Amino acid sequence: MEYRKEIENLMTWHRDTSLYLNVSKTKEIVIDFRKQSGTHTLICIDGTEVEMVENFKFLGVNITNNFSWTTHIEAMAKKAHQRLYFLRRLRKFGMSPTTLTNFYRCTIESILSGCITAWFGNSSIQD
């Protein structure tokens, strides 16, 4: 398989450049949209099997093996909802509208718009 050959090339490059790949932190996600998807055997790197996962978080974005953004959107909504509590508390303490707007933009809007170009176009109404 071409994929396994690329992994062997990567490991050779790592050895040649004296770099270390922490296999215990390495994850594999299989994205396969074929109607007849076969079984995928686990990859071994230096005698250690690489864990196969259905989803993982990469640079703050939850990626799933079927490119459903529900997990990511739910995590963002939960985080934004937690920050709304602090915004309500600041309003209750009589903070100025300018301060409240700045707080919203820095702590809530930044969460909701993070990596929006990656997930927004493929999100669904249910998300």
N, C-alpha and C. Protein backbone atom coordinates (compact mmCIF):
# COMPACT_ATOMS: atom_id res chain seq x y z
N MET A 1 0.84 -1.19 0.00
CA MET A 1 0.00 0.00 0.00
C MET A 1 0.88 1.24 0.00
N GLU A 2 0.45 2.21 -0.72
CA GLU A 2 1.17 3.47 -0.82
C GLU A 2 1.24 4.19 0.54
N TYR A 3 0.17 4.11 1.29
CA TYR A 3 0.09 4.75 2.61
C TYR A 3 1.15 4.21 3.56
N ARG A 4 1.28 2.91 3.61
CA ARG A 4 2.27 2.29 4.50
C ARG A 4 3.69 2.61 4.05
N LYS A 5 3.89 2.71 2.74
CA LYS A 5 5.21 3.07 2.22
C LYS A 5 5.58 4.48 2.65
N GLU A 6 4.60 5.39 2.64
CA GLU A 6 4.85 6.77 3.09
C GLU A 6 5.22 6.81 4.57
N ILE A 7 4.60 5.97 5.36
CA ILE A 7 4.93 5.92 6.78
C ILE A 7 6.36 5.41 6.97
N GLU A 8 6.75 4.40 6.19
CA GLU A 8 8.13 3.91 6.25
C GLU A 8 9.11 5.00 5.84
N ASN A 9 8.77 5.77 4.80
CA ASN A 9 9.63 6.89 4.38
C ASN A 9 9.74 7.94 5.47
N LEU A 10 8.63 8.22 6.15
CA LEU A 10 8.63 9.18 7.24
C LEU A 10 9.54 8.72 8.38
N MET A 11 9.45 7.44 8.73
CA MET A 11 10.28 6.91 9.80
C MET A 11 11.77 6.92 9.41
N THR A 12 12.07 6.64 8.15
CA THR A 12 13.46 6.73 7.68
C THR A 12 13.96 8.16 7.78
N TRP A 13 13.14 9.10 7.39
CA TRP A 13 13.51 10.52 7.48
C TRP A 13 13.74 10.91 8.93
N HIS A 14 12.89 10.43 9.83
CA HIS A 14 13.06 10.72 11.26
C HIS A 14 14.40 10.20 11.76
N ARG A 15 14.75 8.98 11.38
CA ARG A 15 16.03 8.41 11.82
C ARG A 15 17.21 9.19 11.23
N ASP A 16 17.11 9.56 9.96
CA ASP A 16 18.21 10.28 9.30
C ASP A 16 18.43 11.67 9.88
N THR A 17 17.36 12.30 10.36
CA THR A 17 17.47 13.66 10.91
C THR A 17 17.53 13.67 12.43
N SER A 18 17.66 12.50 13.03
CA SER A 18 17.77 12.36 14.49
C SER A 18 16.56 12.94 15.22
N LEU A 19 15.40 12.82 14.61
CA LEU A 19 14.15 13.25 15.26
C LEU A 19 13.47 12.04 15.86
N TYR A 20 12.66 12.28 16.88
CA TYR A 20 11.97 11.20 17.57
C TYR A 20 10.47 11.39 17.41
N LEU A 21 9.78 10.35 17.00
CA LEU A 21 8.33 10.37 16.89
C LEU A 21 7.76 9.64 18.10
N ASN A 22 6.99 10.34 18.91
CA ASN A 22 6.38 9.74 20.08
C ASN A 22 5.14 8.96 19.64
N VAL A 23 5.31 7.66 19.47
CA VAL A 23 4.25 6.81 18.94
C VAL A 23 3.07 6.75 19.89
N SER A 24 3.31 6.89 21.19
CA SER A 24 2.20 6.83 22.16
C SER A 24 1.25 8.03 22.00
N LYS A 25 1.73 9.12 21.41
CA LYS A 25 0.88 10.28 21.17
C LYS A 25 0.37 10.34 19.73
N THR A 26 0.78 9.39 18.92
CA THR A 26 0.38 9.37 17.52
C THR A 26 -0.96 8.68 17.37
N LYS A 27 -1.84 9.28 16.59
CA LYS A 27 -3.17 8.73 16.34
C LYS A 27 -3.37 8.57 14.84
N GLU A 28 -4.20 7.62 14.48
CA GLU A 28 -4.55 7.42 13.08
C GLU A 28 -6.07 7.53 12.95
N ILE A 29 -6.51 8.29 11.97
CA ILE A 29 -7.93 8.39 11.68
C ILE A 29 -8.12 7.98 10.21
N VAL A 30 -9.04 7.09 9.98
CA VAL A 30 -9.30 6.59 8.63
C VAL A 30 -10.55 7.27 8.11
N ILE A 31 -10.41 7.95 7.00
CA ILE A 31 -11.53 8.62 6.35
C ILE A 31 -11.78 7.89 5.05
N ASP A 32 -12.89 7.17 5.00
CA ASP A 32 -13.18 6.30 3.86
C ASP A 32 -14.66 6.43 3.52
N PHE A 33 -14.96 7.02 2.38
CA PHE A 33 -16.35 7.22 1.98
C PHE A 33 -16.81 6.21 0.94
N ARG A 34 -16.03 5.16 0.72
CA ARG A 34 -16.45 4.15 -0.24
C ARG A 34 -17.65 3.38 0.29
N LYS A 35 -18.49 2.91 -0.61
CA LYS A 35 -19.66 2.13 -0.20
C LYS A 35 -19.24 0.80 0.41
N GLN A 36 -18.22 0.19 -0.12
CA GLN A 36 -17.72 -1.09 0.38
C GLN A 36 -16.38 -0.85 1.08
N SER A 37 -16.41 -0.26 2.24
CA SER A 37 -15.16 -0.01 2.93
C SER A 37 -14.68 -1.29 3.60
N GLY A 38 -13.42 -1.59 3.40
CA GLY A 38 -12.84 -2.79 3.98
C GLY A 38 -12.32 -2.53 5.38
N THR A 39 -11.73 -3.55 5.95
CA THR A 39 -11.13 -3.38 7.27
C THR A 39 -9.75 -2.77 7.10
N HIS A 40 -9.37 -2.01 8.07
CA HIS A 40 -8.08 -1.34 8.05
C HIS A 40 -7.22 -1.92 9.17
N THR A 41 -6.08 -2.44 8.79
CA THR A 41 -5.19 -3.01 9.79
C THR A 41 -4.42 -1.90 10.49
N LEU A 42 -4.09 -2.14 11.74
CA LEU A 42 -3.37 -1.15 12.51
C LEU A 42 -1.95 -0.98 11.99
N ILE A 43 -1.44 0.21 12.13
CA ILE A 43 -0.08 0.51 11.71
C ILE A 43 0.86 0.32 12.89
N CYS A 44 2.01 -0.28 12.64
CA CYS A 44 3.04 -0.44 13.67
C CYS A 44 4.22 0.44 13.31
N ILE A 45 4.66 1.23 14.28
CA ILE A 45 5.85 2.07 14.12
C ILE A 45 6.83 1.66 15.21
N ASP A 46 7.97 1.19 14.80
CA ASP A 46 9.00 0.71 15.73
C ASP A 46 8.45 -0.31 16.71
N GLY A 47 7.59 -1.20 16.22
CA GLY A 47 7.05 -2.27 17.05
C GLY A 47 5.88 -1.88 17.92
N THR A 48 5.43 -0.63 17.85
CA THR A 48 4.31 -0.16 18.65
C THR A 48 3.14 0.14 17.73
N GLU A 49 1.96 -0.38 18.09
CA GLU A 49 0.77 -0.12 17.28
C GLU A 49 0.28 1.31 17.49
N VAL A 50 -0.10 1.95 16.39
CA VAL A 50 -0.65 3.30 16.43
C VAL A 50 -2.14 3.18 16.68
N GLU A 51 -2.63 3.95 17.64
CA GLU A 51 -4.06 3.89 18.00
C GLU A 51 -4.92 4.46 16.87
N MET A 52 -5.97 3.73 16.50
CA MET A 52 -6.91 4.19 15.50
C MET A 52 -8.10 4.82 16.23
N VAL A 53 -8.42 6.06 15.87
CA VAL A 53 -9.49 6.78 16.55
C VAL A 53 -10.56 7.21 15.54
N GLU A 54 -11.75 7.49 16.05
CA GLU A 54 -12.83 7.97 15.20
C GLU A 54 -12.88 9.49 15.16
N ASN A 55 -12.34 10.13 16.19
CA ASN A 55 -12.26 11.59 16.20
C ASN A 55 -11.09 12.02 17.06
N PHE A 56 -10.61 13.23 16.80
CA PHE A 56 -9.55 13.80 17.62
C PHE A 56 -9.56 15.31 17.46
N LYS A 57 -8.86 15.97 18.36
CA LYS A 57 -8.80 17.42 18.35
C LYS A 57 -7.44 17.84 17.79
N PHE A 58 -7.46 18.61 16.72
CA PHE A 58 -6.24 19.08 16.08
C PHE A 58 -6.30 20.59 15.94
N LEU A 59 -5.37 21.27 16.59
CA LEU A 59 -5.32 22.73 16.57
C LEU A 59 -6.66 23.35 16.97
N GLY A 60 -7.31 22.74 17.96
CA GLY A 60 -8.55 23.28 18.49
C GLY A 60 -9.80 22.90 17.73
N VAL A 61 -9.66 22.09 16.69
CA VAL A 61 -10.82 21.69 15.88
C VAL A 61 -11.03 20.19 16.06
N ASN A 62 -12.25 19.81 16.43
CA ASN A 62 -12.60 18.40 16.58
C ASN A 62 -12.90 17.83 15.20
N ILE A 63 -12.10 16.86 14.78
CA ILE A 63 -12.25 16.24 13.47
C ILE A 63 -12.74 14.82 13.65
N THR A 64 -13.78 14.43 12.90
CA THR A 64 -14.30 13.07 12.98
C THR A 64 -14.02 12.35 11.66
N ASN A 65 -14.10 11.03 11.70
CA ASN A 65 -13.78 10.25 10.50
C ASN A 65 -14.84 10.36 9.41
N ASN A 66 -15.99 10.94 9.69
CA ASN A 66 -17.00 11.14 8.65
C ASN A 66 -17.21 12.63 8.34
N PHE A 67 -16.32 13.46 8.85
CA PHE A 67 -16.36 14.91 8.66
C PHE A 67 -17.68 15.53 9.11
N SER A 68 -18.27 14.97 10.14
CA SER A 68 -19.43 15.59 10.76
C SER A 68 -18.90 16.61 11.76
N TRP A 69 -19.43 17.79 11.74
CA TRP A 69 -18.92 18.86 12.61
C TRP A 69 -19.73 18.99 13.89
N THR A 70 -20.63 18.05 14.14
CA THR A 70 -21.48 18.11 15.33
C THR A 70 -20.66 18.14 16.60
N THR A 71 -19.66 17.28 16.73
CA THR A 71 -18.83 17.24 17.93
C THR A 71 -18.14 18.57 18.16
N HIS A 72 -17.59 19.15 17.10
CA HIS A 72 -16.89 20.43 17.22
C HIS A 72 -17.85 21.55 17.61
N ILE A 73 -19.00 21.60 16.97
CA ILE A 73 -19.96 22.67 17.23
C ILE A 73 -20.52 22.56 18.64
N GLU A 74 -20.79 21.33 19.09
CA GLU A 74 -21.27 21.16 20.47
C GLU A 74 -20.22 21.61 21.48
N ALA A 75 -18.96 21.30 21.25
CA ALA A 75 -17.89 21.71 22.16
C ALA A 75 -17.74 23.23 22.18
N MET A 76 -17.84 23.85 21.00
CA MET A 76 -17.76 25.32 20.94
C MET A 76 -18.94 25.97 21.65
N ALA A 77 -20.13 25.44 21.42
CA ALA A 77 -21.33 26.01 22.05
C ALA A 77 -21.24 25.89 23.56
N LYS A 78 -20.75 24.77 24.05
CA LYS A 78 -20.60 24.58 25.49
C LYS A 78 -19.61 25.58 26.06
N LYS A 79 -18.49 25.76 25.39
CA LYS A 79 -17.47 26.69 25.87
C LYS A 79 -17.99 28.14 25.85
N ALA A 80 -18.70 28.51 24.78
CA ALA A 80 -19.25 29.86 24.68
C ALA A 80 -20.32 30.09 25.74
N HIS A 81 -21.14 29.06 25.99
CA HIS A 81 -22.18 29.17 27.01
C HIS A 81 -21.57 29.39 28.40
N GLN A 82 -20.47 28.74 28.68
CA GLN A 82 -19.79 28.93 29.96
C GLN A 82 -19.29 30.36 30.09
N ARG A 83 -18.82 30.94 29.00
CA ARG A 83 -18.32 32.33 29.05
C ARG A 83 -19.45 33.34 29.18
N LEU A 84 -20.64 32.98 28.68
CA LEU A 84 -21.78 33.89 28.80
C LEU A 84 -22.14 34.16 30.26
N TYR A 85 -21.90 33.19 31.11
CA TYR A 85 -22.14 33.38 32.55
C TYR A 85 -21.34 34.57 33.06
N PHE A 86 -20.07 34.65 32.67
CA PHE A 86 -19.23 35.75 33.14
C PHE A 86 -19.67 37.08 32.55
N LEU A 87 -20.16 37.06 31.32
CA LEU A 87 -20.67 38.28 30.71
C LEU A 87 -21.89 38.79 31.47
N ARG A 88 -22.79 37.87 31.84
CA ARG A 88 -23.96 38.28 32.63
C ARG A 88 -23.56 38.83 33.99
N ARG A 89 -22.55 38.23 34.60
CA ARG A 89 -22.07 38.71 35.91
C ARG A 89 -21.47 40.12 35.79
N LEU A 90 -20.72 40.34 34.73
CA LEU A 90 -20.14 41.67 34.52
C LEU A 90 -21.23 42.71 34.30
N ARG A 91 -22.27 42.35 33.56
CA ARG A 91 -23.39 43.28 33.34
C ARG A 91 -24.10 43.56 34.66
N LYS A 92 -24.25 42.55 35.49
CA LYS A 92 -24.90 42.71 36.79
C LYS A 92 -24.10 43.64 37.69
N PHE A 93 -22.77 43.62 37.54
CA PHE A 93 -21.91 44.50 38.35
C PHE A 93 -21.84 45.92 37.81
N GLY A 94 -22.54 46.19 36.71
CA GLY A 94 -22.63 47.55 36.18
C GLY A 94 -21.50 47.97 35.28
N MET A 95 -20.86 47.04 34.60
CA MET A 95 -19.78 47.39 33.67
C MET A 95 -20.36 48.14 32.48
N SER A 96 -19.55 48.99 31.87
CA SER A 96 -20.00 49.80 30.74
C SER A 96 -20.25 48.92 29.51
N PRO A 97 -21.12 49.38 28.61
CA PRO A 97 -21.38 48.62 27.38
C PRO A 97 -20.12 48.38 26.55
N THR A 98 -19.20 49.32 26.56
CA THR A 98 -17.95 49.14 25.81
C THR A 98 -17.13 47.99 26.39
N THR A 99 -17.06 47.91 27.70
CA THR A 99 -16.32 46.82 28.35
C THR A 99 -17.00 45.49 28.09
N LEU A 100 -18.32 45.47 28.15
CA LEU A 100 -19.06 44.24 27.88
C LEU A 100 -18.86 43.77 26.44
N THR A 101 -18.85 44.72 25.50
CA THR A 101 -18.63 44.39 24.10
C THR A 101 -17.23 43.84 23.89
N ASN A 102 -16.25 44.47 24.51
CA ASN A 102 -14.87 43.97 24.40
C ASN A 102 -14.74 42.58 25.00
N PHE A 103 -15.38 42.36 26.14
CA PHE A 103 -15.33 41.05 26.77
C PHE A 103 -15.97 40.01 25.86
N TYR A 104 -17.11 40.34 25.27
CA TYR A 104 -17.79 39.42 24.36
C TYR A 104 -16.90 39.07 23.17
N ARG A 105 -16.33 40.10 22.55
CA ARG A 105 -15.51 39.85 21.36
C ARG A 105 -14.25 39.04 21.68
N CYS A 106 -13.66 39.27 22.82
CA CYS A 106 -12.42 38.57 23.17
C CYS A 106 -12.66 37.14 23.67
N THR A 107 -13.72 36.91 24.38
CA THR A 107 -13.89 35.61 25.02
C THR A 107 -14.95 34.72 24.39
N ILE A 108 -15.95 35.29 23.75
CA ILE A 108 -17.04 34.48 23.21
C ILE A 108 -16.99 34.45 21.68
N GLU A 109 -16.92 35.60 21.07
CA GLU A 109 -16.91 35.65 19.61
C GLU A 109 -15.68 34.94 19.04
N SER A 110 -14.55 35.05 19.73
CA SER A 110 -13.34 34.38 19.25
C SER A 110 -13.50 32.86 19.26
N ILE A 111 -14.26 32.33 20.22
CA ILE A 111 -14.53 30.89 20.26
C ILE A 111 -15.43 30.49 19.09
N LEU A 112 -16.48 31.26 18.87
CA LEU A 112 -17.46 30.92 17.84
C LEU A 112 -16.92 31.08 16.43
N SER A 113 -15.96 31.97 16.25
CA SER A 113 -15.43 32.20 14.90
C SER A 113 -14.11 31.48 14.66
N GLY A 114 -13.60 30.76 15.64
CA GLY A 114 -12.34 30.05 15.47
C GLY A 114 -12.44 28.96 14.42
N CYS A 115 -11.58 29.00 13.43
CA CYS A 115 -11.52 28.03 12.31
C CYS A 115 -12.87 27.91 11.60
N ILE A 116 -13.60 28.99 11.54
CA ILE A 116 -14.94 28.96 10.95
C ILE A 116 -14.90 28.57 9.48
N THR A 117 -13.82 28.91 8.79
CA THR A 117 -13.73 28.56 7.37
C THR A 117 -13.63 27.05 7.16
N ALA A 118 -13.17 26.33 8.18
CA ALA A 118 -13.05 24.87 8.06
C ALA A 118 -14.38 24.17 8.27
N TRP A 119 -15.17 24.62 9.23
CA TRP A 119 -16.35 23.85 9.62
C TRP A 119 -17.69 24.46 9.20
N PHE A 120 -17.79 25.76 9.01
CA PHE A 120 -19.10 26.38 8.81
C PHE A 120 -19.77 25.93 7.52
N GLY A 121 -19.04 25.85 6.44
CA GLY A 121 -19.64 25.48 5.15
C GLY A 121 -20.22 24.08 5.13
N ASN A 122 -19.73 23.20 6.00
CA ASN A 122 -20.20 21.83 6.02
C ASN A 122 -21.09 21.50 7.21
N SER A 123 -21.42 22.50 8.00
CA SER A 123 -22.30 22.23 9.15
C SER A 123 -23.75 22.15 8.66
N SER A 124 -24.56 21.50 9.47
CA SER A 124 -25.97 21.32 9.09
C SER A 124 -26.86 22.15 10.01
N ILE A 125 -28.12 22.23 9.68
CA ILE A 125 -29.07 22.99 10.48
C ILE A 125 -29.19 22.39 11.86
N GLN A 126 -29.10 21.06 11.97
CA GLN A 126 -29.21 20.39 13.27
C GLN A 126 -28.05 20.77 14.18
N ASP A 127 -26.88 21.07 13.60
CA ASP A 127 -25.72 21.45 14.40
C ASP A 127 -25.97 22.79 15.07
